[in-house]
C-alpha cells in the first residue's frame, strides 16, 4: 500500500473520529481506491489518534479551579404559593459558598449587597 493511501486513511481517522473501518473503506471506494476492508481496518488501528479531549478539559479544570466559580439564580415555590428568588455562588477550589442571597422581591440594590 502506498504512503499516499496510508496518509489519507490517517487523515480520515483524525478528522472523523467517529468513523470506523467500514465507513472509511466505503469512502475510499468512492474515491476510486480498491482496498479490502481488513486492510483498511489494520491501518485504522495503527493510525495516530489525538489525545482524549476530556483529559485536556480535566487538566484545565485542575489547573484553574482556584479561579473558577459557579453561580446560579433560581426560584423556589413556597407552601403559601409565594416565590423565593435565590442567588448562589460557590468556589470550585474548596467548594466554599462565596455568596448567597434569598429574597421574595428581587431588585438591583438587594442583590448587589447595598441593602441589608
N, C-alpha and C. Protein backbone atom coordinates (compact mmCIF):
# COMPACT_ATOMS: atom_id res chain seq x y z
N UNK A 1 0.85 -1.17 0.00
CA UNK A 1 0.00 0.00 0.00
C UNK A 1 0.89 1.23 0.00
N UNK A 2 0.52 2.21 -0.78
CA UNK A 2 1.35 3.40 -0.90
C UNK A 2 1.21 4.30 0.34
N UNK A 3 2.23 5.12 0.53
CA UNK A 3 2.22 6.06 1.65
C UNK A 3 1.08 7.07 1.50
N UNK A 4 0.74 7.34 0.26
CA UNK A 4 -0.34 8.28 -0.03
C UNK A 4 -1.67 7.78 0.55
N UNK A 5 -1.97 6.50 0.33
CA UNK A 5 -3.23 5.94 0.82
C UNK A 5 -3.21 5.86 2.35
N UNK A 6 -2.07 5.46 2.93
CA UNK A 6 -1.97 5.43 4.40
C UNK A 6 -2.18 6.82 4.98
N UNK A 7 -1.59 7.82 4.36
CA UNK A 7 -1.77 9.20 4.84
C UNK A 7 -3.23 9.62 4.75
N UNK A 8 -3.91 9.19 3.68
CA UNK A 8 -5.33 9.50 3.52
C UNK A 8 -6.17 8.82 4.60
N UNK A 9 -5.85 7.57 4.91
CA UNK A 9 -6.56 6.85 5.98
C UNK A 9 -6.33 7.55 7.31
N UNK A 10 -5.07 7.92 7.60
CA UNK A 10 -4.76 8.60 8.86
C UNK A 10 -5.47 9.94 8.94
N UNK A 11 -5.56 10.64 7.82
CA UNK A 11 -6.25 11.93 7.80
C UNK A 11 -7.75 11.74 8.07
N UNK A 12 -8.33 10.71 7.45
CA UNK A 12 -9.76 10.44 7.69
C UNK A 12 -10.02 10.09 9.15
N UNK A 13 -9.14 9.31 9.75
CA UNK A 13 -9.30 8.93 11.16
C UNK A 13 -9.19 10.17 12.04
N UNK A 14 -8.23 11.04 11.75
CA UNK A 14 -8.03 12.24 12.57
C UNK A 14 -9.19 13.22 12.44
N UNK A 15 -9.72 13.39 11.23
CA UNK A 15 -10.78 14.37 11.01
C UNK A 15 -12.17 13.84 11.34
N UNK A 16 -12.32 12.52 11.39
CA UNK A 16 -13.63 11.91 11.65
C UNK A 16 -13.47 10.81 12.70
N UNK A 17 -13.32 11.17 13.96
CA UNK A 17 -13.03 10.16 14.98
C UNK A 17 -14.15 9.15 15.21
N UNK A 18 -15.37 9.45 14.78
CA UNK A 18 -16.46 8.50 14.98
C UNK A 18 -16.58 7.49 13.85
N UNK A 19 -15.86 7.69 12.77
CA UNK A 19 -15.90 6.76 11.66
C UNK A 19 -15.08 5.52 11.99
N UNK A 20 -15.62 4.37 11.65
CA UNK A 20 -14.87 3.13 11.80
C UNK A 20 -14.29 2.70 10.46
N UNK A 21 -13.70 1.52 10.46
CA UNK A 21 -13.07 1.00 9.24
C UNK A 21 -14.07 0.79 8.10
N UNK A 22 -15.29 0.29 8.36
CA UNK A 22 -16.23 0.12 7.23
C UNK A 22 -16.57 1.44 6.55
N UNK A 23 -16.76 2.48 7.33
CA UNK A 23 -17.11 3.78 6.74
C UNK A 23 -15.93 4.34 5.93
N UNK A 24 -14.74 4.25 6.50
CA UNK A 24 -13.56 4.75 5.78
C UNK A 24 -13.33 3.92 4.52
N UNK A 25 -13.53 2.60 4.60
CA UNK A 25 -13.39 1.73 3.43
C UNK A 25 -14.36 2.16 2.34
N UNK A 26 -15.62 2.43 2.72
CA UNK A 26 -16.61 2.89 1.74
C UNK A 26 -16.22 4.21 1.10
N UNK A 27 -15.70 5.13 1.90
CA UNK A 27 -15.28 6.42 1.34
C UNK A 27 -14.10 6.25 0.38
N UNK A 28 -13.18 5.36 0.73
CA UNK A 28 -12.04 5.11 -0.17
C UNK A 28 -12.50 4.49 -1.49
N UNK A 29 -13.49 3.59 -1.41
CA UNK A 29 -14.03 3.00 -2.64
C UNK A 29 -14.68 4.08 -3.51
N UNK A 30 -15.38 5.03 -2.88
CA UNK A 30 -15.98 6.13 -3.64
C UNK A 30 -14.93 6.99 -4.32
N UNK A 31 -13.76 7.09 -3.68
CA UNK A 31 -12.68 7.89 -4.27
C UNK A 31 -11.90 7.12 -5.33
N UNK A 32 -12.22 5.84 -5.51
CA UNK A 32 -11.58 5.06 -6.57
C UNK A 32 -10.43 4.20 -6.11
N UNK A 33 -10.21 4.06 -4.80
CA UNK A 33 -9.14 3.20 -4.29
C UNK A 33 -9.72 1.81 -4.05
N UNK A 34 -9.03 0.79 -4.58
CA UNK A 34 -9.51 -0.58 -4.46
C UNK A 34 -8.73 -1.28 -3.36
N UNK A 35 -9.28 -1.28 -2.14
CA UNK A 35 -8.65 -1.91 -0.98
C UNK A 35 -9.67 -2.82 -0.31
N UNK A 36 -9.17 -3.80 0.41
CA UNK A 36 -10.08 -4.65 1.17
C UNK A 36 -10.36 -4.00 2.53
N UNK A 37 -11.49 -4.32 3.11
CA UNK A 37 -11.84 -3.73 4.40
C UNK A 37 -10.89 -4.18 5.52
N UNK A 38 -10.43 -5.44 5.56
CA UNK A 38 -9.46 -5.80 6.60
C UNK A 38 -8.16 -4.99 6.52
N UNK A 39 -7.73 -4.66 5.31
CA UNK A 39 -6.53 -3.83 5.17
C UNK A 39 -6.77 -2.44 5.75
N UNK A 40 -7.91 -1.87 5.42
CA UNK A 40 -8.25 -0.54 5.95
C UNK A 40 -8.36 -0.62 7.47
N UNK A 41 -8.98 -1.68 7.97
CA UNK A 41 -9.13 -1.86 9.42
C UNK A 41 -7.78 -1.92 10.12
N UNK A 42 -6.82 -2.62 9.52
CA UNK A 42 -5.49 -2.72 10.11
C UNK A 42 -4.82 -1.35 10.18
N UNK A 43 -4.96 -0.54 9.14
CA UNK A 43 -4.35 0.80 9.14
C UNK A 43 -5.11 1.78 10.03
N UNK A 44 -6.41 1.57 10.17
CA UNK A 44 -7.18 2.43 11.09
C UNK A 44 -6.71 2.20 12.52
N UNK A 45 -6.45 0.95 12.89
CA UNK A 45 -5.96 0.66 14.24
C UNK A 45 -4.58 1.27 14.48
N UNK A 46 -3.76 1.37 13.44
CA UNK A 46 -2.40 1.90 13.59
C UNK A 46 -2.34 3.42 13.46
N UNK A 47 -3.45 4.03 13.12
CA UNK A 47 -3.46 5.48 12.92
C UNK A 47 -3.20 6.20 14.23
N UNK A 48 -2.37 7.23 14.19
CA UNK A 48 -2.16 8.01 15.43
C UNK A 48 -3.43 8.76 15.79
N UNK A 49 -3.80 8.66 17.01
CA UNK A 49 -5.03 9.32 17.47
C UNK A 49 -4.66 10.50 18.36
N UNK A 50 -5.42 11.58 18.23
CA UNK A 50 -5.17 12.71 19.13
C UNK A 50 -5.53 12.31 20.56
N UNK A 51 -4.90 12.93 21.54
CA UNK A 51 -5.22 12.58 22.92
C UNK A 51 -6.70 12.87 23.22
N UNK A 52 -7.20 12.16 24.20
CA UNK A 52 -8.61 12.31 24.57
C UNK A 52 -8.91 13.75 24.97
N UNK A 53 -9.87 14.41 24.31
CA UNK A 53 -10.17 15.80 24.65
C UNK A 53 -10.67 15.97 26.07
N UNK A 54 -11.27 14.92 26.64
CA UNK A 54 -11.75 15.01 28.02
C UNK A 54 -10.58 15.20 28.98
N UNK A 55 -9.43 14.60 28.67
CA UNK A 55 -8.26 14.77 29.52
C UNK A 55 -7.79 16.21 29.51
N UNK A 56 -7.87 16.87 28.35
CA UNK A 56 -7.49 18.28 28.28
C UNK A 56 -8.40 19.12 29.17
N UNK A 57 -9.69 18.84 29.14
CA UNK A 57 -10.65 19.60 29.93
C UNK A 57 -10.40 19.37 31.43
N UNK A 58 -10.17 18.13 31.84
CA UNK A 58 -9.90 17.84 33.24
C UNK A 58 -8.62 18.51 33.71
N UNK A 59 -7.61 18.51 32.86
CA UNK A 59 -6.36 19.18 33.20
C UNK A 59 -6.58 20.67 33.37
N UNK A 60 -7.35 21.27 32.47
CA UNK A 60 -7.66 22.69 32.58
C UNK A 60 -8.38 22.98 33.90
N UNK A 61 -9.38 22.17 34.23
CA UNK A 61 -10.12 22.39 35.47
C UNK A 61 -9.25 22.24 36.70
N UNK A 62 -8.37 21.26 36.70
CA UNK A 62 -7.46 21.08 37.84
C UNK A 62 -6.50 22.25 37.99
N UNK A 63 -6.02 22.76 36.87
CA UNK A 63 -5.05 23.85 36.92
C UNK A 63 -5.67 25.19 37.29
N UNK A 64 -6.96 25.37 37.03
CA UNK A 64 -7.59 26.67 37.24
C UNK A 64 -8.73 26.65 38.25
N UNK A 65 -8.86 25.59 39.01
CA UNK A 65 -10.01 25.51 39.91
C UNK A 65 -10.03 26.60 40.98
N UNK A 66 -8.87 27.15 41.34
CA UNK A 66 -8.84 28.23 42.33
C UNK A 66 -9.50 29.49 41.81
N UNK A 67 -9.53 29.67 40.49
CA UNK A 67 -10.07 30.89 39.90
C UNK A 67 -11.47 30.70 39.32
N UNK A 68 -12.04 29.51 39.44
CA UNK A 68 -13.34 29.25 38.83
C UNK A 68 -14.42 29.25 39.90
N UNK A 69 -15.52 29.92 39.60
CA UNK A 69 -16.68 29.91 40.48
C UNK A 69 -17.92 29.61 39.64
N UNK A 70 -18.87 28.98 40.28
CA UNK A 70 -20.14 28.70 39.61
C UNK A 70 -21.22 29.50 40.31
N UNK A 71 -22.18 29.98 39.53
CA UNK A 71 -23.28 30.74 40.14
C UNK A 71 -24.59 30.29 39.54
N UNK A 72 -25.63 30.49 40.33
CA UNK A 72 -26.96 30.09 39.88
C UNK A 72 -27.98 31.06 40.45
N UNK A 73 -28.97 31.35 39.69
CA UNK A 73 -30.11 32.15 40.12
C UNK A 73 -31.34 31.29 39.86
N UNK A 74 -32.08 30.99 40.91
CA UNK A 74 -33.22 30.09 40.76
C UNK A 74 -34.36 30.53 41.67
N UNK A 75 -35.53 29.97 41.42
CA UNK A 75 -36.71 30.28 42.23
C UNK A 75 -37.14 29.04 43.00
N UNK A 76 -37.75 29.29 44.16
CA UNK A 76 -38.25 28.21 44.99
C UNK A 76 -39.70 28.52 45.35
N UNK A 77 -40.65 27.68 44.98
CA UNK A 77 -42.04 27.92 45.38
C UNK A 77 -42.22 27.58 46.86
N UNK A 78 -43.01 28.37 47.57
CA UNK A 78 -43.25 28.14 48.99
C UNK A 78 -44.60 27.47 49.20
N UNK A 79 -44.85 27.04 50.44
CA UNK A 79 -46.12 26.38 50.76
C UNK A 79 -47.30 27.34 50.66
N UNK A 80 -47.05 28.62 50.83
CA UNK A 80 -48.13 29.62 50.75
C UNK A 80 -48.27 30.19 49.35
N UNK A 81 -47.75 29.50 48.36
CA UNK A 81 -47.82 29.86 46.95
C UNK A 81 -47.06 31.15 46.63
N UNK A 82 -46.08 31.45 47.44
CA UNK A 82 -45.18 32.56 47.14
C UNK A 82 -43.98 32.04 46.38
N UNK A 83 -43.11 32.95 46.03
CA UNK A 83 -41.89 32.56 45.30
C UNK A 83 -40.70 33.23 45.98
N UNK A 84 -39.68 32.46 46.26
CA UNK A 84 -38.43 32.99 46.78
C UNK A 84 -37.41 32.98 45.65
N UNK A 85 -36.66 34.05 45.51
CA UNK A 85 -35.62 34.16 44.49
C UNK A 85 -34.28 33.98 45.17
N UNK A 86 -33.48 33.04 44.67
CA UNK A 86 -32.22 32.69 45.31
C UNK A 86 -31.06 32.95 44.36
N UNK A 87 -29.99 33.48 44.90
CA UNK A 87 -28.75 33.69 44.16
C UNK A 87 -27.65 33.01 44.96
N UNK A 88 -26.82 32.22 44.29
CA UNK A 88 -25.87 31.35 44.96
C UNK A 88 -24.57 31.32 44.16
N UNK A 89 -23.42 31.53 44.82
CA UNK A 89 -22.11 31.46 44.17
C UNK A 89 -21.24 30.52 44.99
N UNK A 90 -20.60 29.56 44.33
CA UNK A 90 -19.73 28.60 45.02
C UNK A 90 -18.37 28.57 44.31
N UNK A 91 -17.30 28.53 45.09
CA UNK A 91 -15.94 28.42 44.54
C UNK A 91 -15.58 26.97 44.32
N UNK A 92 -14.92 26.68 43.22
CA UNK A 92 -14.60 25.29 42.89
C UNK A 92 -13.40 24.75 43.66
N UNK A 93 -12.51 25.61 44.12
CA UNK A 93 -11.29 25.10 44.75
C UNK A 93 -11.59 24.28 46.00
N UNK A 94 -12.38 24.83 46.93
CA UNK A 94 -12.72 24.11 48.15
C UNK A 94 -14.22 23.89 48.30
N UNK A 95 -14.95 24.17 47.22
CA UNK A 95 -16.41 24.06 47.22
C UNK A 95 -17.00 24.87 48.37
N UNK A 96 -16.47 26.08 48.52
CA UNK A 96 -16.96 27.01 49.53
C UNK A 96 -18.05 27.88 48.95
N UNK A 97 -19.02 28.21 49.78
CA UNK A 97 -20.06 29.16 49.36
C UNK A 97 -19.45 30.55 49.46
N UNK A 98 -19.35 31.24 48.35
CA UNK A 98 -18.77 32.57 48.33
C UNK A 98 -19.81 33.65 48.58
N UNK A 99 -21.03 33.43 48.11
CA UNK A 99 -22.09 34.41 48.30
C UNK A 99 -23.43 33.72 48.13
N UNK A 100 -24.40 34.15 48.91
CA UNK A 100 -25.77 33.66 48.74
C UNK A 100 -26.73 34.75 49.18
N UNK A 101 -27.91 34.74 48.60
CA UNK A 101 -28.93 35.71 48.95
C UNK A 101 -30.28 35.13 48.57
N UNK A 102 -31.27 35.38 49.41
CA UNK A 102 -32.63 34.93 49.15
C UNK A 102 -33.56 36.11 49.42
N UNK A 103 -34.52 36.33 48.54
CA UNK A 103 -35.48 37.40 48.73
C UNK A 103 -36.79 37.02 48.08
N UNK A 104 -37.86 37.67 48.53
CA UNK A 104 -39.16 37.44 47.88
C UNK A 104 -39.47 38.55 46.89
N UNK A 105 -38.64 39.62 46.88
CA UNK A 105 -38.86 40.74 45.98
C UNK A 105 -37.50 41.20 45.43
N UNK A 106 -37.03 40.61 44.35
CA UNK A 106 -35.69 40.96 43.87
C UNK A 106 -35.64 42.33 43.22
N UNK A 107 -34.55 43.03 43.48
CA UNK A 107 -34.24 44.27 42.78
C UNK A 107 -32.73 44.43 42.74
N UNK A 108 -32.24 45.38 42.00
CA UNK A 108 -30.80 45.52 41.80
C UNK A 108 -30.08 45.85 43.09
N UNK A 109 -30.66 46.67 43.96
CA UNK A 109 -29.98 47.06 45.19
C UNK A 109 -29.84 45.90 46.16
N UNK A 110 -30.87 45.08 46.29
CA UNK A 110 -30.82 43.98 47.26
C UNK A 110 -29.77 42.95 46.86
N UNK A 111 -29.66 42.62 45.58
CA UNK A 111 -28.71 41.60 45.14
C UNK A 111 -27.30 42.14 45.02
N UNK A 112 -27.13 43.44 45.00
CA UNK A 112 -25.76 43.97 44.95
C UNK A 112 -25.15 44.06 46.33
N UNK A 113 -25.93 43.83 47.39
CA UNK A 113 -25.40 43.87 48.73
C UNK A 113 -25.48 45.26 49.35
N UNK A 114 -26.10 46.24 48.71
CA UNK A 114 -26.18 47.61 49.24
C UNK A 114 -27.28 47.76 50.28
N UNK A 115 -28.30 46.90 50.21
CA UNK A 115 -29.39 46.96 51.17
C UNK A 115 -29.26 45.75 52.08
N UNK A 116 -29.28 45.93 53.40
CA UNK A 116 -29.11 44.77 54.30
C UNK A 116 -30.27 43.82 54.27
